[in-house]
Structures are given as C-alpha cells and as structure tokens.
N, C-alpha and C. Protein backbone atom coordinates (compact mmCIF):
# COMPACT_ATOMS: atom_id res chain seq x y z
N MET A 1 0.19 -16.27 11.89
CA MET A 1 0.33 -14.92 11.38
C MET A 1 0.98 -14.07 12.46
N ARG A 2 1.96 -13.32 12.05
CA ARG A 2 2.62 -12.39 12.95
C ARG A 2 2.39 -10.97 12.44
N VAL A 3 2.10 -10.05 13.36
CA VAL A 3 1.91 -8.66 12.98
C VAL A 3 3.01 -7.82 13.62
N SER A 4 3.51 -6.85 12.86
CA SER A 4 4.53 -5.93 13.37
C SER A 4 4.01 -4.51 13.25
N GLN A 5 4.21 -3.74 14.31
CA GLN A 5 3.87 -2.32 14.28
C GLN A 5 4.93 -1.59 13.47
N THR A 6 4.54 -0.53 12.80
CA THR A 6 5.50 0.35 12.15
C THR A 6 5.64 1.59 13.03
N ASP A 7 6.45 2.53 12.61
CA ASP A 7 6.59 3.77 13.39
C ASP A 7 5.47 4.76 13.11
N ILE A 8 4.47 4.34 12.33
CA ILE A 8 3.28 5.15 12.08
C ILE A 8 2.07 4.40 12.61
N ALA A 9 1.31 5.05 13.48
CA ALA A 9 0.17 4.41 14.12
C ALA A 9 -0.79 3.82 13.08
N ASP A 10 -1.27 2.62 13.36
CA ASP A 10 -2.29 1.91 12.58
C ASP A 10 -1.76 1.24 11.31
N LEU A 11 -0.56 1.55 10.88
CA LEU A 11 0.04 0.95 9.69
C LEU A 11 0.78 -0.30 10.14
N LEU A 12 0.36 -1.48 9.65
CA LEU A 12 0.85 -2.75 10.17
C LEU A 12 1.42 -3.65 9.07
N ILE A 13 2.43 -4.45 9.44
CA ILE A 13 3.01 -5.45 8.54
C ILE A 13 2.56 -6.82 9.02
N PHE A 14 2.02 -7.62 8.11
CA PHE A 14 1.60 -8.98 8.41
C PHE A 14 2.56 -9.96 7.76
N GLU A 15 3.02 -10.93 8.54
CA GLU A 15 3.89 -11.98 8.01
C GLU A 15 3.24 -13.34 8.33
N PRO A 16 2.87 -14.07 7.29
CA PRO A 16 2.17 -15.33 7.51
C PRO A 16 3.10 -16.44 7.97
N LYS A 17 2.52 -17.42 8.61
CA LYS A 17 3.25 -18.64 8.93
C LYS A 17 3.18 -19.50 7.66
N VAL A 18 4.33 -19.77 7.09
CA VAL A 18 4.41 -20.51 5.82
C VAL A 18 4.80 -21.95 6.11
N LEU A 19 4.00 -22.87 5.58
CA LEU A 19 4.29 -24.29 5.68
C LEU A 19 4.89 -24.73 4.36
N SER A 20 6.16 -25.18 4.39
CA SER A 20 6.86 -25.54 3.16
C SER A 20 7.39 -26.96 3.24
N ASP A 21 7.41 -27.62 2.11
CA ASP A 21 8.09 -28.90 1.97
C ASP A 21 8.47 -29.07 0.50
N GLU A 22 8.88 -30.26 0.12
CA GLU A 22 9.34 -30.49 -1.26
C GLU A 22 8.25 -30.27 -2.31
N ARG A 23 6.99 -30.25 -1.90
CA ARG A 23 5.89 -30.03 -2.84
C ARG A 23 5.63 -28.56 -3.13
N GLY A 24 6.08 -27.69 -2.22
CA GLY A 24 5.81 -26.27 -2.36
C GLY A 24 5.50 -25.65 -1.02
N PHE A 25 4.52 -24.76 -0.97
CA PHE A 25 4.20 -24.10 0.29
C PHE A 25 2.70 -23.84 0.38
N PHE A 26 2.28 -23.54 1.61
CA PHE A 26 0.90 -23.15 1.89
C PHE A 26 0.95 -22.11 2.99
N PHE A 27 0.09 -21.08 2.88
CA PHE A 27 -0.10 -20.16 3.99
C PHE A 27 -1.46 -19.51 3.85
N GLU A 28 -1.97 -19.06 4.98
CA GLU A 28 -3.23 -18.35 5.04
C GLU A 28 -2.92 -16.88 4.83
N SER A 29 -3.42 -16.29 3.75
CA SER A 29 -3.10 -14.89 3.46
C SER A 29 -4.04 -13.92 4.17
N TYR A 30 -5.21 -14.38 4.55
CA TYR A 30 -6.13 -13.53 5.28
C TYR A 30 -7.10 -14.40 6.07
N ASN A 31 -7.35 -13.98 7.30
CA ASN A 31 -8.32 -14.64 8.17
C ASN A 31 -9.00 -13.53 8.97
N ARG A 32 -10.27 -13.33 8.78
CA ARG A 32 -10.99 -12.22 9.39
C ARG A 32 -10.88 -12.24 10.92
N ARG A 33 -11.06 -13.39 11.53
CA ARG A 33 -11.00 -13.50 12.98
C ARG A 33 -9.60 -13.15 13.50
N GLN A 34 -8.59 -13.66 12.80
CA GLN A 34 -7.22 -13.37 13.20
C GLN A 34 -6.88 -11.89 12.99
N PHE A 35 -7.36 -11.30 11.91
CA PHE A 35 -7.15 -9.87 11.66
C PHE A 35 -7.74 -9.06 12.82
N PHE A 36 -8.94 -9.42 13.24
CA PHE A 36 -9.58 -8.74 14.37
C PHE A 36 -8.76 -8.91 15.65
N ASN A 37 -8.32 -10.13 15.92
CA ASN A 37 -7.54 -10.40 17.13
C ASN A 37 -6.23 -9.61 17.14
N LEU A 38 -5.63 -9.40 15.99
CA LEU A 38 -4.35 -8.70 15.90
C LEU A 38 -4.49 -7.18 15.85
N THR A 39 -5.63 -6.69 15.32
CA THR A 39 -5.77 -5.25 15.12
C THR A 39 -6.86 -4.61 15.97
N GLY A 40 -7.80 -5.43 16.46
CA GLY A 40 -8.95 -4.88 17.17
C GLY A 40 -10.00 -4.29 16.25
N ARG A 41 -9.83 -4.47 14.93
CA ARG A 41 -10.78 -3.93 13.95
C ARG A 41 -11.46 -5.08 13.21
N ASP A 42 -12.78 -5.04 13.19
CA ASP A 42 -13.55 -6.04 12.44
C ASP A 42 -13.82 -5.46 11.05
N ILE A 43 -12.93 -5.74 10.15
CA ILE A 43 -12.96 -5.16 8.81
C ILE A 43 -13.80 -6.04 7.88
N GLU A 44 -14.61 -5.38 7.08
CA GLU A 44 -15.29 -6.08 5.99
C GLU A 44 -14.68 -5.58 4.68
N PHE A 45 -13.96 -6.45 4.03
CA PHE A 45 -13.40 -6.11 2.72
C PHE A 45 -14.49 -6.30 1.68
N VAL A 46 -14.64 -5.32 0.78
CA VAL A 46 -15.72 -5.34 -0.19
C VAL A 46 -15.24 -5.52 -1.63
N GLN A 47 -13.94 -5.40 -1.85
CA GLN A 47 -13.42 -5.48 -3.21
C GLN A 47 -12.00 -6.02 -3.17
N ASP A 48 -11.68 -6.92 -4.08
CA ASP A 48 -10.31 -7.41 -4.27
C ASP A 48 -9.83 -6.92 -5.62
N ASN A 49 -8.59 -6.42 -5.65
CA ASN A 49 -8.00 -5.90 -6.88
C ASN A 49 -6.68 -6.61 -7.17
N ARG A 50 -6.37 -6.74 -8.46
CA ARG A 50 -5.07 -7.25 -8.88
C ARG A 50 -4.50 -6.26 -9.87
N SER A 51 -3.21 -6.05 -9.76
CA SER A 51 -2.52 -5.09 -10.61
C SER A 51 -1.23 -5.73 -11.08
N GLN A 52 -0.95 -5.65 -12.38
CA GLN A 52 0.30 -6.18 -12.92
C GLN A 52 1.02 -5.04 -13.62
N SER A 53 2.31 -4.92 -13.35
CA SER A 53 3.10 -3.83 -13.93
C SER A 53 4.51 -4.33 -14.24
N VAL A 54 5.18 -3.59 -15.12
CA VAL A 54 6.55 -3.92 -15.49
C VAL A 54 7.53 -3.10 -14.66
N LYS A 55 8.80 -3.48 -14.74
CA LYS A 55 9.86 -2.83 -13.97
C LYS A 55 9.85 -1.31 -14.19
N ASN A 56 10.09 -0.60 -13.10
CA ASN A 56 10.16 0.86 -13.05
C ASN A 56 8.82 1.57 -13.19
N VAL A 57 7.71 0.82 -13.22
CA VAL A 57 6.40 1.47 -13.16
C VAL A 57 6.23 1.98 -11.73
N LEU A 58 5.82 3.24 -11.63
CA LEU A 58 5.55 3.84 -10.33
C LEU A 58 4.08 4.26 -10.34
N ARG A 59 3.32 3.73 -9.40
CA ARG A 59 1.89 4.05 -9.29
C ARG A 59 1.67 4.75 -7.95
N GLY A 60 0.96 5.86 -7.98
CA GLY A 60 0.64 6.54 -6.73
C GLY A 60 1.17 7.95 -6.73
N LEU A 61 0.89 8.55 -5.68
CA LEU A 61 0.38 8.16 -4.37
C LEU A 61 -1.13 8.42 -4.34
N HIS A 62 -1.93 7.37 -4.23
CA HIS A 62 -3.39 7.45 -4.39
C HIS A 62 -4.13 7.30 -3.06
N TYR A 63 -5.29 7.96 -2.99
CA TYR A 63 -6.22 7.79 -1.88
C TYR A 63 -7.57 8.35 -2.30
N GLN A 64 -8.60 8.04 -1.53
CA GLN A 64 -9.94 8.58 -1.78
C GLN A 64 -10.33 9.46 -0.61
N ILE A 65 -10.64 10.72 -0.89
CA ILE A 65 -10.94 11.69 0.16
C ILE A 65 -12.30 11.42 0.78
N GLN A 66 -13.26 10.94 0.01
CA GLN A 66 -14.53 10.43 0.53
C GLN A 66 -14.57 8.95 0.15
N HIS A 67 -15.30 8.17 0.90
CA HIS A 67 -15.29 6.72 0.73
C HIS A 67 -13.84 6.21 0.81
N PRO A 68 -13.12 6.57 1.88
CA PRO A 68 -11.72 6.16 1.98
C PRO A 68 -11.59 4.64 2.02
N GLN A 69 -10.52 4.16 1.45
CA GLN A 69 -10.28 2.72 1.38
C GLN A 69 -9.12 2.34 2.28
N GLY A 70 -9.36 1.37 3.16
CA GLY A 70 -8.28 0.67 3.80
C GLY A 70 -7.85 -0.41 2.82
N LYS A 71 -6.55 -0.71 2.77
CA LYS A 71 -6.04 -1.70 1.81
C LYS A 71 -5.11 -2.69 2.51
N LEU A 72 -5.33 -3.95 2.24
CA LEU A 72 -4.41 -5.00 2.66
C LEU A 72 -3.68 -5.43 1.39
N VAL A 73 -2.41 -5.04 1.28
CA VAL A 73 -1.65 -5.16 0.04
C VAL A 73 -0.59 -6.25 0.15
N CYS A 74 -0.52 -7.11 -0.88
CA CYS A 74 0.56 -8.10 -0.95
C CYS A 74 0.97 -8.27 -2.41
N VAL A 75 2.11 -8.88 -2.61
CA VAL A 75 2.63 -9.15 -3.95
C VAL A 75 2.60 -10.66 -4.18
N VAL A 76 1.99 -11.09 -5.29
CA VAL A 76 1.91 -12.52 -5.59
C VAL A 76 2.94 -12.95 -6.62
N GLN A 77 3.56 -11.98 -7.31
CA GLN A 77 4.63 -12.27 -8.26
C GLN A 77 5.53 -11.06 -8.34
N GLY A 78 6.84 -11.27 -8.20
CA GLY A 78 7.79 -10.17 -8.31
C GLY A 78 8.01 -9.44 -7.00
N ALA A 79 8.44 -8.17 -7.10
CA ALA A 79 8.76 -7.37 -5.92
C ALA A 79 8.48 -5.90 -6.19
N VAL A 80 8.03 -5.20 -5.15
CA VAL A 80 7.78 -3.76 -5.24
C VAL A 80 8.33 -3.07 -4.01
N PHE A 81 8.60 -1.79 -4.18
CA PHE A 81 8.92 -0.87 -3.10
C PHE A 81 7.59 -0.19 -2.78
N ASP A 82 7.00 -0.51 -1.65
CA ASP A 82 5.67 -0.05 -1.30
C ASP A 82 5.76 1.14 -0.35
N VAL A 83 4.84 2.10 -0.53
CA VAL A 83 4.89 3.35 0.24
C VAL A 83 3.49 3.70 0.74
N ALA A 84 3.42 4.12 2.00
CA ALA A 84 2.19 4.66 2.58
C ALA A 84 2.53 6.01 3.22
N VAL A 85 1.69 7.01 2.96
CA VAL A 85 1.89 8.36 3.50
C VAL A 85 0.66 8.72 4.34
N ASP A 86 0.90 9.15 5.57
CA ASP A 86 -0.17 9.52 6.48
C ASP A 86 -0.74 10.88 6.07
N VAL A 87 -1.99 10.90 5.62
CA VAL A 87 -2.65 12.16 5.23
C VAL A 87 -3.79 12.52 6.19
N ARG A 88 -3.68 12.02 7.42
CA ARG A 88 -4.65 12.33 8.48
C ARG A 88 -4.14 13.54 9.26
N ARG A 89 -4.73 14.69 9.02
CA ARG A 89 -4.27 15.93 9.65
C ARG A 89 -4.21 15.82 11.18
N SER A 90 -5.12 15.07 11.80
CA SER A 90 -5.16 14.95 13.26
C SER A 90 -4.13 13.94 13.80
N SER A 91 -3.41 13.27 12.95
CA SER A 91 -2.45 12.24 13.38
C SER A 91 -1.13 12.86 13.79
N PRO A 92 -0.50 12.32 14.84
CA PRO A 92 0.84 12.82 15.22
C PRO A 92 1.90 12.51 14.16
N THR A 93 1.59 11.60 13.24
CA THR A 93 2.54 11.26 12.17
C THR A 93 2.09 11.81 10.81
N PHE A 94 1.23 12.84 10.84
CA PHE A 94 0.75 13.48 9.62
C PHE A 94 1.93 13.90 8.74
N GLY A 95 1.87 13.49 7.47
CA GLY A 95 2.92 13.85 6.51
C GLY A 95 4.10 12.90 6.47
N ARG A 96 4.16 11.97 7.40
CA ARG A 96 5.27 11.00 7.40
C ARG A 96 4.94 9.84 6.48
N HIS A 97 5.98 9.20 5.97
CA HIS A 97 5.78 8.05 5.09
C HIS A 97 6.51 6.83 5.65
N PHE A 98 6.06 5.68 5.17
CA PHE A 98 6.67 4.40 5.54
C PHE A 98 6.90 3.62 4.25
N THR A 99 8.05 2.97 4.16
CA THR A 99 8.36 2.17 2.97
C THR A 99 8.72 0.75 3.38
N LEU A 100 8.46 -0.16 2.47
CA LEU A 100 8.70 -1.57 2.74
C LEU A 100 8.76 -2.31 1.41
N GLU A 101 9.67 -3.27 1.30
CA GLU A 101 9.66 -4.13 0.12
C GLU A 101 8.66 -5.24 0.35
N LEU A 102 7.73 -5.36 -0.57
CA LEU A 102 6.78 -6.47 -0.58
C LEU A 102 7.15 -7.33 -1.77
N SER A 103 7.17 -8.65 -1.58
CA SER A 103 7.53 -9.54 -2.68
C SER A 103 6.83 -10.88 -2.54
N ALA A 104 6.79 -11.59 -3.65
CA ALA A 104 6.26 -12.96 -3.61
C ALA A 104 7.13 -13.81 -2.71
N GLU A 105 8.41 -13.50 -2.66
CA GLU A 105 9.34 -14.28 -1.85
C GLU A 105 9.13 -14.06 -0.35
N ASN A 106 9.00 -12.80 0.10
CA ASN A 106 8.87 -12.57 1.54
C ASN A 106 7.43 -12.73 2.04
N LYS A 107 6.46 -12.75 1.14
CA LYS A 107 5.05 -13.04 1.45
C LYS A 107 4.43 -12.10 2.47
N ARG A 108 5.04 -10.95 2.69
CA ARG A 108 4.48 -9.97 3.62
C ARG A 108 3.26 -9.28 3.02
N ALA A 109 2.42 -8.76 3.91
CA ALA A 109 1.29 -7.92 3.51
C ALA A 109 1.36 -6.66 4.35
N LEU A 110 0.98 -5.55 3.75
CA LEU A 110 0.94 -4.28 4.47
C LEU A 110 -0.51 -3.85 4.62
N TRP A 111 -0.91 -3.56 5.86
CA TRP A 111 -2.23 -3.00 6.12
C TRP A 111 -2.10 -1.49 6.07
N VAL A 112 -2.74 -0.89 5.06
CA VAL A 112 -2.75 0.56 4.85
C VAL A 112 -4.17 1.03 5.19
N PRO A 113 -4.37 1.54 6.39
CA PRO A 113 -5.73 1.92 6.77
C PRO A 113 -6.24 3.17 6.07
N GLU A 114 -7.50 3.44 6.23
CA GLU A 114 -8.11 4.64 5.69
C GLU A 114 -7.32 5.85 6.20
N GLY A 115 -7.15 6.85 5.34
CA GLY A 115 -6.43 8.05 5.75
C GLY A 115 -4.97 8.06 5.31
N PHE A 116 -4.60 7.13 4.45
CA PHE A 116 -3.24 7.06 3.93
C PHE A 116 -3.26 7.11 2.41
N ALA A 117 -2.27 7.78 1.85
CA ALA A 117 -2.02 7.68 0.41
C ALA A 117 -1.10 6.49 0.21
N HIS A 118 -1.27 5.79 -0.92
CA HIS A 118 -0.51 4.57 -1.17
C HIS A 118 0.08 4.59 -2.57
N GLY A 119 1.26 4.04 -2.70
CA GLY A 119 1.89 3.90 -4.01
C GLY A 119 2.96 2.83 -3.97
N PHE A 120 3.47 2.51 -5.16
CA PHE A 120 4.55 1.51 -5.23
C PHE A 120 5.36 1.70 -6.49
N LEU A 121 6.58 1.17 -6.44
CA LEU A 121 7.51 1.12 -7.56
C LEU A 121 7.86 -0.33 -7.81
N VAL A 122 7.76 -0.79 -9.06
CA VAL A 122 8.08 -2.18 -9.38
C VAL A 122 9.60 -2.34 -9.46
N LEU A 123 10.13 -3.28 -8.69
CA LEU A 123 11.57 -3.54 -8.64
C LEU A 123 12.00 -4.69 -9.54
N SER A 124 11.12 -5.64 -9.76
CA SER A 124 11.43 -6.83 -10.57
C SER A 124 11.02 -6.58 -12.02
N ASP A 125 11.31 -7.54 -12.91
CA ASP A 125 10.94 -7.38 -14.32
C ASP A 125 9.44 -7.14 -14.48
N THR A 126 8.65 -7.85 -13.70
CA THR A 126 7.21 -7.62 -13.60
C THR A 126 6.81 -7.88 -12.16
N ALA A 127 5.66 -7.36 -11.77
CA ALA A 127 5.13 -7.62 -10.43
C ALA A 127 3.62 -7.63 -10.52
N GLU A 128 3.03 -8.49 -9.72
CA GLU A 128 1.57 -8.55 -9.63
C GLU A 128 1.18 -8.38 -8.17
N LEU A 129 0.35 -7.37 -7.92
CA LEU A 129 -0.13 -7.08 -6.58
C LEU A 129 -1.57 -7.56 -6.44
N HIS A 130 -1.90 -7.95 -5.22
CA HIS A 130 -3.26 -8.28 -4.86
C HIS A 130 -3.58 -7.45 -3.63
N TYR A 131 -4.71 -6.75 -3.66
CA TYR A 131 -5.07 -6.02 -2.46
C TYR A 131 -6.57 -6.03 -2.26
N LYS A 132 -6.93 -6.13 -0.99
CA LYS A 132 -8.31 -6.12 -0.55
C LYS A 132 -8.63 -4.70 -0.08
N THR A 133 -9.83 -4.21 -0.37
CA THR A 133 -10.19 -2.85 0.05
C THR A 133 -11.45 -2.85 0.89
N THR A 134 -11.53 -1.85 1.77
CA THR A 134 -12.67 -1.74 2.69
C THR A 134 -13.82 -0.92 2.12
N ASP A 135 -13.61 -0.29 0.97
CA ASP A 135 -14.69 0.43 0.30
C ASP A 135 -14.45 0.30 -1.20
N TYR A 136 -15.48 0.61 -1.95
CA TYR A 136 -15.41 0.49 -3.40
C TYR A 136 -14.64 1.65 -4.02
N TRP A 137 -14.08 1.40 -5.18
CA TRP A 137 -13.40 2.45 -5.91
C TRP A 137 -14.42 3.50 -6.30
N ALA A 138 -14.11 4.75 -6.01
CA ALA A 138 -14.97 5.88 -6.34
C ALA A 138 -14.10 6.92 -7.04
N PRO A 139 -13.98 6.81 -8.37
CA PRO A 139 -13.04 7.68 -9.09
C PRO A 139 -13.28 9.17 -8.88
N GLU A 140 -14.51 9.56 -8.61
CA GLU A 140 -14.79 10.99 -8.41
C GLU A 140 -14.17 11.52 -7.11
N PHE A 141 -13.82 10.63 -6.19
CA PHE A 141 -13.20 11.04 -4.92
C PHE A 141 -11.73 10.68 -4.84
N GLU A 142 -11.20 10.10 -5.91
CA GLU A 142 -9.79 9.71 -5.90
C GLU A 142 -8.91 10.95 -5.98
N ARG A 143 -7.85 10.94 -5.21
CA ARG A 143 -6.87 12.02 -5.21
C ARG A 143 -5.48 11.40 -5.34
N SER A 144 -4.54 12.21 -5.83
CA SER A 144 -3.16 11.75 -5.98
C SER A 144 -2.21 12.85 -5.54
N ILE A 145 -1.18 12.43 -4.84
CA ILE A 145 -0.09 13.32 -4.46
C ILE A 145 1.10 12.94 -5.33
N ILE A 146 1.80 13.92 -5.86
CA ILE A 146 2.93 13.66 -6.76
C ILE A 146 3.99 12.81 -6.04
N TRP A 147 4.47 11.82 -6.73
CA TRP A 147 5.36 10.81 -6.16
C TRP A 147 6.68 11.39 -5.67
N ASN A 148 7.16 12.47 -6.28
CA ASN A 148 8.49 12.99 -5.94
C ASN A 148 8.43 14.32 -5.21
N ASP A 149 7.36 14.55 -4.46
CA ASP A 149 7.23 15.80 -3.74
C ASP A 149 8.38 15.95 -2.73
N PRO A 150 9.08 17.08 -2.75
CA PRO A 150 10.24 17.25 -1.86
C PRO A 150 9.88 17.36 -0.38
N VAL A 151 8.65 17.75 -0.06
CA VAL A 151 8.25 17.84 1.35
C VAL A 151 8.15 16.43 1.95
N ILE A 152 7.56 15.51 1.22
CA ILE A 152 7.44 14.13 1.70
C ILE A 152 8.80 13.44 1.64
N ASP A 153 9.56 13.70 0.60
CA ASP A 153 10.94 13.24 0.44
C ASP A 153 11.09 11.71 0.52
N ILE A 154 10.33 11.00 -0.28
CA ILE A 154 10.47 9.54 -0.36
C ILE A 154 11.72 9.22 -1.17
N GLN A 155 12.55 8.36 -0.65
CA GLN A 155 13.77 7.95 -1.33
C GLN A 155 13.47 6.70 -2.16
N TRP A 156 12.89 6.91 -3.32
CA TRP A 156 12.52 5.80 -4.21
C TRP A 156 13.80 5.16 -4.78
N PRO A 157 13.91 3.84 -4.78
CA PRO A 157 15.09 3.17 -5.36
C PRO A 157 14.95 3.02 -6.88
N ILE A 158 14.91 4.16 -7.57
CA ILE A 158 14.65 4.17 -9.01
C ILE A 158 15.94 4.01 -9.78
N GLN A 159 15.88 3.15 -10.80
CA GLN A 159 16.98 2.99 -11.75
C GLN A 159 16.50 3.58 -13.06
N GLY A 160 17.00 4.76 -13.41
CA GLY A 160 16.51 5.43 -14.61
C GLY A 160 15.24 6.20 -14.30
N ASP A 161 14.50 6.53 -15.35
CA ASP A 161 13.26 7.28 -15.18
C ASP A 161 12.11 6.32 -14.90
N PRO A 162 11.23 6.66 -13.93
CA PRO A 162 10.08 5.79 -13.68
C PRO A 162 9.04 5.93 -14.80
N ILE A 163 8.24 4.91 -14.96
CA ILE A 163 7.14 4.91 -15.91
C ILE A 163 5.90 5.31 -15.12
N ILE A 164 5.31 6.45 -15.48
CA ILE A 164 4.22 7.03 -14.70
C ILE A 164 3.05 7.34 -15.62
N SER A 165 1.85 7.08 -15.15
CA SER A 165 0.65 7.38 -15.94
C SER A 165 0.47 8.89 -16.09
N THR A 166 -0.29 9.28 -17.09
CA THR A 166 -0.61 10.69 -17.29
C THR A 166 -1.31 11.25 -16.06
N LYS A 167 -2.23 10.48 -15.49
CA LYS A 167 -2.95 10.92 -14.29
C LYS A 167 -1.98 11.19 -13.14
N ASP A 168 -1.01 10.31 -12.94
CA ASP A 168 -0.07 10.49 -11.84
C ASP A 168 0.92 11.63 -12.11
N GLN A 169 1.19 11.91 -13.37
CA GLN A 169 2.05 13.05 -13.70
C GLN A 169 1.38 14.37 -13.32
N LYS A 170 0.05 14.37 -13.28
CA LYS A 170 -0.72 15.58 -12.95
C LYS A 170 -1.12 15.64 -11.48
N ALA A 171 -0.56 14.76 -10.67
CA ALA A 171 -0.92 14.71 -9.25
C ALA A 171 -0.53 16.01 -8.55
N GLU A 172 -1.19 16.26 -7.43
CA GLU A 172 -0.96 17.49 -6.66
C GLU A 172 0.30 17.40 -5.81
N PRO A 173 0.96 18.52 -5.59
CA PRO A 173 2.04 18.54 -4.61
C PRO A 173 1.44 18.45 -3.20
N TRP A 174 2.26 18.07 -2.25
CA TRP A 174 1.81 17.92 -0.86
C TRP A 174 1.10 19.19 -0.37
N ALA A 175 1.64 20.34 -0.68
CA ALA A 175 1.09 21.60 -0.18
C ALA A 175 -0.34 21.87 -0.66
N ARG A 176 -0.74 21.29 -1.79
CA ARG A 176 -2.10 21.52 -2.31
C ARG A 176 -3.00 20.29 -2.18
N ALA A 177 -2.51 19.25 -1.55
CA ALA A 177 -3.29 18.02 -1.41
C ALA A 177 -4.44 18.21 -0.44
N GLU A 178 -5.50 17.42 -0.64
CA GLU A 178 -6.60 17.38 0.33
C GLU A 178 -6.24 16.36 1.38
N TYR A 179 -6.50 16.70 2.64
CA TYR A 179 -6.16 15.81 3.74
C TYR A 179 -7.42 15.36 4.46
N PHE A 180 -7.26 14.30 5.25
CA PHE A 180 -8.34 13.87 6.13
C PHE A 180 -8.26 14.70 7.41
N VAL A 181 -9.38 14.85 8.09
CA VAL A 181 -9.41 15.64 9.34
C VAL A 181 -8.61 14.96 10.42
C-alpha cells in the first residue's frame, strides 16, 4: 500500500499493491495495522456503505456536524469525480477543496477525515462506491453544502445537467453552512 499526501492536511490517497496475472487480480483494500503505520491514526470503522448511481448523478456535499464521520472511499465499479471540502474553521486549508478520479480501474481510495464535506459525480454509465465510516449515520446531524457554490468553485466535469436529489437541491450555500471549530 502506498499513501500520498494531498495539498490539504490529513486528506490522503491510498494506492494498493495489486497482484495481477492471467486469472485476474488481488489486492488488500484495507489493513488496520498498515493504516495506522501510514497515518498515525488507529481508526475503528463502524459502518460500511455501498452506493450505486447512474451517469451524471451528483451526490453531496455531505457531512455530519455532530458525530462526524471519517470515510475511506473507493469505487468497485465504474468511475467518479470525488470531492472533499475542508470545513474545519481552525484549519489553514479551511474552505479549500480537493478532487480526484476514483475508479474500479485505478483502485485508489481516498481517506476523507472528520471535518470534511464529501461528494461525487458519476462519470461512467454506472458506478458503485464502497466506503467505510468512523461513526454511524446520524441523519439529524447531517448537513449539505450546495454542490455549485461559487465561493468553493469546484470545477465539476459535468456533461449536461447533473441528477441531484431533492435534499441536495436544498443544500446550504457556503456562507450559511455550519463548520467545525
């Protein structure tokens, strides 16, 4: 497993060592001891989630203001444009975002720690994401920042209009969002 730092503190890209031959491939997608050795954090994941969406579905930007969730996100089928936004007011990168293509082909995983809003846009005909979380889903504490807020200025690679849930259409602009201390 190889880890790469991003330009935002604590946000990390994991690239597994893939063993391939004529039969297919094998790789370790998560190893608690290795995660600790690479990050210095002994994380206990409490929930695994899977999400399947069609092309041009845009989900996010989601986070939980209480019971914040760290997420280890990967794509098991298809490809997405993945986004993390730093909503930690005390962070030197507060308000900055990071984008990365995650796909079944590149097998990367993105570690999105607590204090970040997360979202993605499906690039392929369909995509299936798998992500591990450090806390349980608590809908009463879930918050959303509008995906196209001009202050954050994410350059989404959208072809046509994105498909967005009613909940995400009602998301808050950056200026009215709740932030972490």
